[in-house]
Protein backbone atom coordinates (compact mmCIF):
# COMPACT_ATOMS: atom_id res chain seq x y z
CA MET A 1 -3.67 -21.79 -3.68
CA ALA A 2 -4.58 -22.19 -6.76
CA ALA A 3 -4.93 -19.53 -9.20
CA ASN A 4 -8.11 -17.19 -9.00
CA GLU A 5 -8.69 -18.04 -5.42
CA ASN A 6 -8.97 -16.05 -2.40
CA ALA A 7 -7.37 -17.16 0.75
CA GLU A 8 -8.01 -15.76 4.69
CA LEU A 9 -4.60 -14.48 6.18
CA GLY A 10 -6.04 -13.15 8.93
CA LYS A 11 -7.61 -10.34 10.38
CA ILE A 12 -6.06 -6.62 11.42
CA PRO A 13 -8.53 -4.05 13.46
CA ILE A 14 -9.13 -1.74 11.86
CA SER A 15 -11.42 2.11 12.36
CA HIS A 16 -13.20 4.39 9.80
CA SER A 17 -12.25 6.81 11.77
CA GLN A 18 -8.51 6.98 11.46
CA LYS A 19 -6.20 7.77 8.05
CA ARG A 20 -3.51 5.16 7.66
CA LEU A 21 -1.89 3.59 5.13
CA PHE A 22 -1.06 -0.36 4.68
CA LEU A 23 1.72 -2.08 2.61
CA MET A 24 1.37 -4.84 1.20
CA GLN A 25 4.66 -6.95 -0.43
CA TRP A 26 5.01 -10.52 -2.11
CA THR A 27 7.04 -12.89 -3.71
CA MET A 28 6.03 -15.06 -6.04
CA ASP A 29 7.94 -17.23 -8.04
CA GLY A 30 10.98 -15.11 -6.48
CA VAL A 31 9.06 -11.84 -7.58
CA THR A 32 8.71 -9.46 -5.37
CA TYR A 33 5.62 -7.53 -5.75
CA GLY A 34 3.81 -4.88 -4.04
CA ASN A 35 1.31 -2.41 -2.91
CA HIS A 36 -0.50 -0.01 -0.59
CA TYR A 37 -4.06 0.88 0.73
CA LEU A 38 -5.27 4.09 2.38
CA LEU A 39 -7.52 3.16 5.04
CA GLY A 40 -10.25 5.94 6.29
CA PHE A 41 -12.20 8.65 4.85
CA PRO A 42 -11.64 11.02 1.83
CA ALA A 43 -10.23 13.64 1.54
CA PHE A 44 -6.92 12.94 2.05
CA ALA A 45 -4.43 15.68 3.08
CA LEU A 46 -2.02 15.46 0.04
CA ALA A 47 0.78 16.80 3.08
CA ASP A 48 -0.23 13.69 4.65
CA TYR A 49 0.04 11.59 1.28
CA GLN A 50 3.69 13.55 -0.26
CA GLY A 51 4.78 11.72 3.29
CA TRP A 52 3.79 8.43 2.75
CA LEU A 53 5.45 8.19 -0.64
CA PRO A 54 8.98 7.58 0.56
CA GLN A 55 7.48 3.92 2.17
CA ILE A 56 5.35 3.59 -0.95
CA THR A 57 8.55 3.69 -3.11
CA ALA A 58 10.47 1.49 -1.07
CA LEU A 59 7.44 -1.41 -2.06
CA LEU A 60 8.90 -1.92 -5.69
CA ASN A 61 12.23 -0.68 -7.57
CA ASP A 62 10.74 0.14 -10.24
CA PHE A 63 8.18 3.67 -8.68
CA ARG A 64 9.63 6.39 -8.68
CA ALA A 65 7.77 9.35 -5.91
CA ASP A 66 10.46 11.43 -6.66
CA GLU A 67 8.60 11.82 -10.11
CA ILE A 68 5.62 12.76 -8.87
CA ASP A 69 3.93 16.59 -10.96
CA ARG A 70 3.47 18.61 -7.05
């Protein structure tokens, strides 16, 4: 794809009444990147987010969930 272009890769069925964590990972020019997205109506329980932190951390080695003040 050219820079700053979008492409639909597929569709994911969702329900905003559910709270879900989406993990995204991609590789570009030999470098792997990652990010996350929280789906659902706020507010999210802190305990739920803290439970997701290990999965978010696993996306990239430079994110340190254990260094976040709780």
